[in-house]
Amino acid sequence: MLNQALTDEAIDITLSHARDELSRMLDEIYLPRAIPDRSDEDLNAIRCTMQVDGILPLLDHDLKLLMDAAAGSLCAALDHKLESISTFHRWTQEDPYASLTKIDDMLQKELRLPIFLMADRNVFASSI
């Protein structure tokens, strides 16, 4: 029984360490590519800010804006037409473009990079 308890604890410690290392390695590989032209210090600050709650704190913990951001990202990945998302998502602002512009403005204060690439009231790319 003691051996099993020690084995279970060793497995838990090993898994925890592996998760932490994987997270660190992925951040080192992908973060500089996702957010180019930033110093290591800036990247570390962004990582620390978003590590636990993602972009939610940067959106003043507004869950509706977070849902708008998710809908905008879906739009970028699908057909790029903001109106198509409106069939199942109610935007927080008067229209989708206004919602995503507000999100972009809020996130650029902290991250200093565009989140949504928009043109002609469509979304062509999203970095979230």
C-alpha atoms as a PDB file:
ATOM      1  CA  MET A   1       0.000   0.000   0.000  1.00  0.00           C
ATOM      2  CA  LEU A   2       2.822   2.392   0.841  1.00  0.00           C
ATOM      3  CA  ASN A   3       4.557   1.481  -2.416  1.00  0.00           C
ATOM      4  CA  GLN A   4       1.375   2.244  -4.366  1.00  0.00           C
ATOM      5  CA  ALA A   5       0.977   5.619  -2.611  1.00  0.00           C
ATOM      6  CA  LEU A   6       4.591   6.513  -3.360  1.00  0.00           C
ATOM      7  CA  THR A   7       4.158   5.406  -6.966  1.00  0.00           C
ATOM      8  CA  ASP A   8       0.977   7.481  -7.364  1.00  0.00           C
ATOM      9  CA  GLU A   9       2.700  10.529  -5.874  1.00  0.00           C
ATOM     10  CA  ALA A  10       5.714  10.048  -8.147  1.00  0.00           C
ATOM     11  CA  ILE A  11       3.404   9.819 -11.172  1.00  0.00           C
ATOM     12  CA  ASP A  12       1.578  13.001 -10.123  1.00  0.00           C
ATOM     13  CA  ILE A  13       4.859  14.869  -9.672  1.00  0.00           C
ATOM     14  CA  THR A  14       6.178  13.603 -13.006  1.00  0.00           C
ATOM     15  CA  LEU A  15       2.981  14.576 -14.852  1.00  0.00           C
ATOM     16  CA  SER A  16       2.940  18.011 -13.240  1.00  0.00           C
ATOM     17  CA  HIS A  17       6.556  18.596 -14.237  1.00  0.00           C
ATOM     18  CA  ALA A  18       5.910  17.367 -17.794  1.00  0.00           C
ATOM     19  CA  ARG A  19       2.894  19.703 -18.161  1.00  0.00           C
ATOM     20  CA  ASP A  20       4.895  22.681 -16.904  1.00  0.00           C
ATOM     21  CA  GLU A  21       7.797  21.913 -19.221  1.00  0.00           C
ATOM     22  CA  LEU A  22       5.524  21.385 -22.228  1.00  0.00           C
ATOM     23  CA  SER A  23       3.774  24.684 -21.553  1.00  0.00           C
ATOM     24  CA  ARG A  24       7.117  26.487 -21.256  1.00  0.00           C
ATOM     25  CA  MET A  25       8.464  24.876 -24.440  1.00  0.00           C
ATOM     26  CA  LEU A  26       5.333  25.710 -26.438  1.00  0.00           C
ATOM     27  CA  ASP A  27       5.500  29.311 -25.244  1.00  0.00           C
ATOM     28  CA  GLU A  28       9.148  29.533 -26.311  1.00  0.00           C
ATOM     29  CA  ILE A  29       8.374  28.089 -29.743  1.00  0.00           C
ATOM     30  CA  TYR A  30       5.051  29.708 -30.646  1.00  0.00           C
ATOM     31  CA  LEU A  31       4.793  32.972 -28.719  1.00  0.00           C
ATOM     32  CA  PRO A  32       7.615  34.742 -30.612  1.00  0.00           C
ATOM     33  CA  ARG A  33       5.999  33.656 -33.897  1.00  0.00           C
ATOM     34  CA  ALA A  34       2.495  34.662 -32.819  1.00  0.00           C
ATOM     35  CA  ILE A  35       3.699  38.024 -31.515  1.00  0.00           C
ATOM     36  CA  PRO A  36       6.699  38.969 -33.662  1.00  0.00           C
ATOM     37  CA  ASP A  37       9.011  41.929 -33.212  1.00  0.00           C
ATOM     38  CA  ARG A  38       8.730  41.989 -29.421  1.00  0.00           C
ATOM     39  CA  SER A  39      11.508  41.777 -26.887  1.00  0.00           C
ATOM     40  CA  ASP A  40      11.864  38.752 -24.637  1.00  0.00           C
ATOM     41  CA  GLU A  41      10.857  41.006 -21.750  1.00  0.00           C
ATOM     42  CA  ASP A  42       7.615  42.001 -23.540  1.00  0.00           C
ATOM     43  CA  LEU A  43       6.853  38.381 -24.418  1.00  0.00           C
ATOM     44  CA  ASN A  44       7.394  37.328 -20.812  1.00  0.00           C
ATOM     45  CA  ALA A  45       5.059  40.087 -19.595  1.00  0.00           C
ATOM     46  CA  ILE A  46       2.372  38.994 -22.064  1.00  0.00           C
ATOM     47  CA  ARG A  47       2.818  35.356 -21.036  1.00  0.00           C
ATOM     48  CA  CYS A  48       2.460  36.252 -17.347  1.00  0.00           C
ATOM     49  CA  THR A  49      -0.593  38.413 -17.991  1.00  0.00           C
ATOM     50  CA  MET A  50      -2.432  35.790 -20.021  1.00  0.00           C
ATOM     51  CA  GLN A  51      -1.159  32.592 -18.397  1.00  0.00           C
ATOM     52  CA  VAL A  52      -4.109  31.985 -16.089  1.00  0.00           C
ATOM     53  CA  ASP A  53      -7.135  33.742 -17.551  1.00  0.00           C
ATOM     54  CA  GLY A  54      -6.136  34.372 -21.160  1.00  0.00           C
ATOM     55  CA  ILE A  55      -7.522  37.585 -22.592  1.00  0.00           C
ATOM     56  CA  LEU A  56     -10.363  37.898 -20.064  1.00  0.00           C
ATOM     57  CA  PRO A  57      -8.516  40.321 -17.732  1.00  0.00           C
ATOM     58  CA  LEU A  58      -7.564  42.441 -20.747  1.00  0.00           C
ATOM     59  CA  LEU A  59     -11.277  42.701 -21.573  1.00  0.00           C
ATOM     60  CA  ASP A  60     -12.070  43.937 -18.056  1.00  0.00           C
ATOM     61  CA  HIS A  61     -13.450  40.474 -17.225  1.00  0.00           C
ATOM     62  CA  ASP A  62     -16.392  41.086 -19.585  1.00  0.00           C
ATOM     63  CA  LEU A  63     -17.600  37.620 -20.596  1.00  0.00           C
ATOM     64  CA  LYS A  64     -19.810  39.041 -23.343  1.00  0.00           C
ATOM     65  CA  LEU A  65     -16.809  40.664 -25.002  1.00  0.00           C
ATOM     66  CA  LEU A  66     -14.934  37.374 -24.648  1.00  0.00           C
ATOM     67  CA  MET A  67     -17.791  35.658 -26.496  1.00  0.00           C
ATOM     68  CA  ASP A  68     -17.590  38.375 -29.177  1.00  0.00           C
ATOM     69  CA  ALA A  69     -13.862  37.674 -29.527  1.00  0.00           C
ATOM     70  CA  ALA A  70     -14.547  33.945 -29.889  1.00  0.00           C
ATOM     71  CA  ALA A  71     -17.250  34.627 -32.490  1.00  0.00           C
ATOM     72  CA  GLY A  72     -14.884  36.899 -34.418  1.00  0.00           C
ATOM     73  CA  SER A  73     -12.214  34.213 -34.395  1.00  0.00           C
ATOM     74  CA  LEU A  74     -14.732  31.672 -35.695  1.00  0.00           C
ATOM     75  CA  CYS A  75     -15.658  34.076 -38.443  1.00  0.00           C
ATOM     76  CA  ALA A  76     -12.018  34.482 -39.463  1.00  0.00           C
ATOM     77  CA  ALA A  77     -11.625  30.710 -39.594  1.00  0.00           C
ATOM     78  CA  LEU A  78     -14.840  30.108 -41.545  1.00  0.00           C
ATOM     79  CA  ASP A  79     -16.279  32.382 -44.223  1.00  0.00           C
ATOM     80  CA  HIS A  80     -14.938  35.789 -43.063  1.00  0.00           C
ATOM     81  CA  LYS A  81     -18.451  37.299 -43.069  1.00  0.00           C
ATOM     82  CA  LEU A  82     -19.353  38.857 -39.715  1.00  0.00           C
ATOM     83  CA  GLU A  83     -23.050  38.730 -40.501  1.00  0.00           C
ATOM     84  CA  SER A  84     -23.009  34.921 -40.769  1.00  0.00           C
ATOM     85  CA  ILE A  85     -22.088  34.672 -37.079  1.00  0.00           C
ATOM     86  CA  SER A  86     -25.044  36.933 -36.198  1.00  0.00           C
ATOM     87  CA  THR A  87     -27.427  34.056 -36.887  1.00  0.00           C
ATOM     88  CA  PHE A  88     -26.371  32.410 -33.613  1.00  0.00           C
ATOM     89  CA  HIS A  89     -24.501  35.140 -31.710  1.00  0.00           C
ATOM     90  CA  ARG A  90     -25.792  38.446 -30.331  1.00  0.00           C
ATOM     91  CA  TRP A  91     -23.017  41.043 -30.483  1.00  0.00           C
ATOM     92  CA  THR A  92     -22.480  43.364 -27.505  1.00  0.00           C
ATOM     93  CA  GLN A  93     -22.148  46.510 -29.609  1.00  0.00           C
ATOM     94  CA  GLU A  94     -24.488  47.861 -32.284  1.00  0.00           C
ATOM     95  CA  ASP A  95     -22.876  45.630 -34.915  1.00  0.00           C
ATOM     96  CA  PRO A  96     -20.123  43.000 -35.224  1.00  0.00           C
ATOM     97  CA  TYR A  97     -17.580  45.430 -36.626  1.00  0.00           C
ATOM     98  CA  ALA A  98     -18.036  47.767 -33.638  1.00  0.00           C
ATOM     99  CA  SER A  99     -17.681  44.852 -31.201  1.00  0.00           C
ATOM    100  CA  LEU A 100     -14.446  43.605 -32.737  1.00  0.00           C
ATOM    101  CA  THR A 101     -13.063  47.132 -33.013  1.00  0.00           C
ATOM    102  CA  LYS A 102     -13.718  47.644 -29.288  1.00  0.00           C
ATOM    103  CA  ILE A 103     -11.990  44.337 -28.478  1.00  0.00           C
ATOM    104  CA  ASP A 104      -9.057  45.255 -30.714  1.00  0.00           C
ATOM    105  CA  ASP A 105      -8.708  48.618 -28.978  1.00  0.00           C
ATOM    106  CA  MET A 106      -8.798  47.050 -25.496  1.00  0.00           C
ATOM    107  CA  LEU A 107      -6.275  44.316 -26.320  1.00  0.00           C
ATOM    108  CA  GLN A 108      -3.918  46.630 -28.166  1.00  0.00           C
ATOM    109  CA  LYS A 109      -3.463  48.670 -24.981  1.00  0.00           C
ATOM    110  CA  GLU A 110      -1.785  45.689 -23.333  1.00  0.00           C
ATOM    111  CA  LEU A 111      -0.534  43.534 -26.212  1.00  0.00           C
ATOM    112  CA  ARG A 112       0.274  46.301 -28.695  1.00  0.00           C
ATOM    113  CA  LEU A 113      -0.663  44.212 -31.713  1.00  0.00           C
ATOM    114  CA  PRO A 114      -3.747  43.937 -33.887  1.00  0.00           C
ATOM    115  CA  ILE A 115      -5.996  41.053 -32.930  1.00  0.00           C
ATOM    116  CA  PHE A 116      -8.391  41.073 -35.878  1.00  0.00           C
ATOM    117  CA  LEU A 117      -7.509  41.903 -39.474  1.00  0.00           C
ATOM    118  CA  MET A 118     -10.707  43.449 -40.836  1.00  0.00           C
ATOM    119  CA  ALA A 119     -11.607  44.972 -44.176  1.00  0.00           C
ATOM    120  CA  ASP A 120     -14.910  45.749 -45.845  1.00  0.00           C
ATOM    121  CA  ARG A 121     -16.651  44.772 -42.587  1.00  0.00           C
ATOM    122  CA  ASN A 122     -15.290  41.217 -42.828  1.00  0.00           C
ATOM    123  CA  VAL A 123     -12.714  39.434 -40.673  1.00  0.00           C
ATOM    124  CA  PHE A 124      -9.795  37.900 -42.523  1.00  0.00           C
ATOM    125  CA  ALA A 125      -7.514  36.892 -39.695  1.00  0.00           C
ATOM    126  CA  SER A 126      -7.464  36.590 -35.940  1.00  0.00           C
ATOM    127  CA  SER A 127      -4.499  36.133 -33.643  1.00  0.00           C
ATOM    128  CA  ILE A 128      -6.663  34.602 -30.896  1.00  0.00           C
END
